[in-house]
Amino acid sequence: MKLEINQLIDSFHTDEKNKGRRYREFLYHCYTIFEKEIKNIKSKKMINRYITMRNNTLSHLIQNEKEITLKLSR
């Protein structure tokens, strides 16, 4: 399963009005999505791949906070 940022944004729902809190909730949402995938996998190689993908995705989201916040407010 390849998780794209647009898919993560589409799967995220919140009633939070504050942009900063909404962004932090989105980061948590992304982290938990990857954790669920990692727990369902038995192969150590695939687990390491998902951990790397999770870290890269979260790093990208943090580096592009303003862009992601704008997408979340739509």
C-alpha atoms as a PDB file:
ATOM      1  CA  MET A   1       0.000   0.000   0.000  1.00  0.00           C
ATOM      2  CA  LYS A   2       1.509   3.268  -1.097  1.00  0.00           C
ATOM      3  CA  LEU A   3       0.268   6.135   0.995  1.00  0.00           C
ATOM      4  CA  GLU A   4       0.250   9.466  -0.768  1.00  0.00           C
ATOM      5  CA  ILE A   5      -0.132  12.772   1.011  1.00  0.00           C
ATOM      6  CA  ASN A   6      -3.390  13.550  -0.817  1.00  0.00           C
ATOM      7  CA  GLN A   7      -4.819  10.218   0.354  1.00  0.00           C
ATOM      8  CA  LEU A   8      -3.763  11.009   3.909  1.00  0.00           C
ATOM      9  CA  ILE A   9      -5.389  14.447   3.689  1.00  0.00           C
ATOM     10  CA  ASP A  10      -8.597  12.929   2.286  1.00  0.00           C
ATOM     11  CA  SER A  11      -8.760  10.368   5.098  1.00  0.00           C
ATOM     12  CA  PHE A  12      -8.286  13.056   7.778  1.00  0.00           C
ATOM     13  CA  HIS A  13     -11.376  14.555   9.427  1.00  0.00           C
ATOM     14  CA  THR A  14     -11.503  16.929  12.374  1.00  0.00           C
ATOM     15  CA  ASP A  15     -13.730  19.610  13.853  1.00  0.00           C
ATOM     16  CA  GLU A  16     -10.741  21.640  15.058  1.00  0.00           C
ATOM     17  CA  LYS A  17     -10.863  25.323  14.052  1.00  0.00           C
ATOM     18  CA  ASN A  18      -7.315  26.276  15.099  1.00  0.00           C
ATOM     19  CA  LYS A  19      -4.929  25.767  12.147  1.00  0.00           C
ATOM     20  CA  GLY A  20      -1.975  24.829  14.353  1.00  0.00           C
ATOM     21  CA  ARG A  21      -3.904  22.204  16.257  1.00  0.00           C
ATOM     22  CA  ARG A  22      -5.426  20.865  13.044  1.00  0.00           C
ATOM     23  CA  TYR A  23      -1.926  20.487  11.582  1.00  0.00           C
ATOM     24  CA  ARG A  24      -0.664  18.663  14.695  1.00  0.00           C
ATOM     25  CA  GLU A  25      -3.717  16.377  14.643  1.00  0.00           C
ATOM     26  CA  PHE A  26      -2.961  15.634  10.988  1.00  0.00           C
ATOM     27  CA  LEU A  27       0.633  14.675  11.848  1.00  0.00           C
ATOM     28  CA  TYR A  28      -0.679  12.347  14.542  1.00  0.00           C
ATOM     29  CA  HIS A  29      -3.211  10.913  12.081  1.00  0.00           C
ATOM     30  CA  CYS A  30      -0.416  10.150   9.592  1.00  0.00           C
ATOM     31  CA  TYR A  31       1.709   8.532  12.280  1.00  0.00           C
ATOM     32  CA  THR A  32      -1.137   6.277  13.424  1.00  0.00           C
ATOM     33  CA  ILE A  33      -1.983   5.232   9.844  1.00  0.00           C
ATOM     34  CA  PHE A  34       1.581   4.024   9.371  1.00  0.00           C
ATOM     35  CA  GLU A  35       1.600   2.322  12.782  1.00  0.00           C
ATOM     36  CA  LYS A  36      -1.518   0.334  11.860  1.00  0.00           C
ATOM     37  CA  GLU A  37       0.144  -0.803   8.640  1.00  0.00           C
ATOM     38  CA  ILE A  38       3.352  -1.751  10.444  1.00  0.00           C
ATOM     39  CA  LYS A  39       1.471  -3.833  13.037  1.00  0.00           C
ATOM     40  CA  ASN A  40      -0.266  -5.829  10.289  1.00  0.00           C
ATOM     41  CA  ILE A  41       2.977  -6.808   8.532  1.00  0.00           C
ATOM     42  CA  LYS A  42       4.994  -9.878   9.499  1.00  0.00           C
ATOM     43  CA  SER A  43       8.048  -9.404   7.272  1.00  0.00           C
ATOM     44  CA  LYS A  44      10.935  -7.583   8.933  1.00  0.00           C
ATOM     45  CA  LYS A  45      12.031  -6.175   5.565  1.00  0.00           C
ATOM     46  CA  MET A  46       8.583  -4.680   4.906  1.00  0.00           C
ATOM     47  CA  ILE A  47       8.390  -3.312   8.453  1.00  0.00           C
ATOM     48  CA  ASN A  48      11.693  -1.497   7.926  1.00  0.00           C
ATOM     49  CA  ARG A  49      10.440  -0.170   4.585  1.00  0.00           C
ATOM     50  CA  TYR A  50       7.275   1.223   6.206  1.00  0.00           C
ATOM     51  CA  ILE A  51       9.249   2.758   9.059  1.00  0.00           C
ATOM     52  CA  THR A  52      11.490   4.515   6.535  1.00  0.00           C
ATOM     53  CA  MET A  53       8.463   5.622   4.521  1.00  0.00           C
ATOM     54  CA  ARG A  54       6.759   6.921   7.689  1.00  0.00           C
ATOM     55  CA  ASN A  55       9.846   8.885   8.728  1.00  0.00           C
ATOM     56  CA  ASN A  56      10.284  10.360   5.248  1.00  0.00           C
ATOM     57  CA  THR A  57       6.611  11.317   5.022  1.00  0.00           C
ATOM     58  CA  LEU A  58       6.577  12.979   8.431  1.00  0.00           C
ATOM     59  CA  SER A  59       9.799  14.796   7.609  1.00  0.00           C
ATOM     60  CA  HIS A  60       8.272  16.061   4.356  1.00  0.00           C
ATOM     61  CA  LEU A  61       5.108  17.178   6.171  1.00  0.00           C
ATOM     62  CA  ILE A  62       7.130  19.087   8.750  1.00  0.00           C
ATOM     63  CA  GLN A  63       9.299  20.763   6.108  1.00  0.00           C
ATOM     64  CA  ASN A  64       6.213  21.854   4.151  1.00  0.00           C
ATOM     65  CA  GLU A  65       4.043  22.902   7.098  1.00  0.00           C
ATOM     66  CA  LYS A  66       2.577  26.009   5.422  1.00  0.00           C
ATOM     67  CA  GLU A  67       1.563  24.152   2.257  1.00  0.00           C
ATOM     68  CA  ILE A  68       0.002  21.288   4.213  1.00  0.00           C
ATOM     69  CA  THR A  69      -1.836  23.710   6.528  1.00  0.00           C
ATOM     70  CA  LEU A  70      -3.343  25.424   3.481  1.00  0.00           C
ATOM     71  CA  LYS A  71      -4.492  22.100   2.044  1.00  0.00           C
ATOM     72  CA  LEU A  72      -6.037  21.137   5.390  1.00  0.00           C
ATOM     73  CA  SER A  73      -8.017  24.378   5.632  1.00  0.00           C
ATOM     74  CA  ARG A  74      -9.838  23.809   2.346  1.00  0.00           C
END
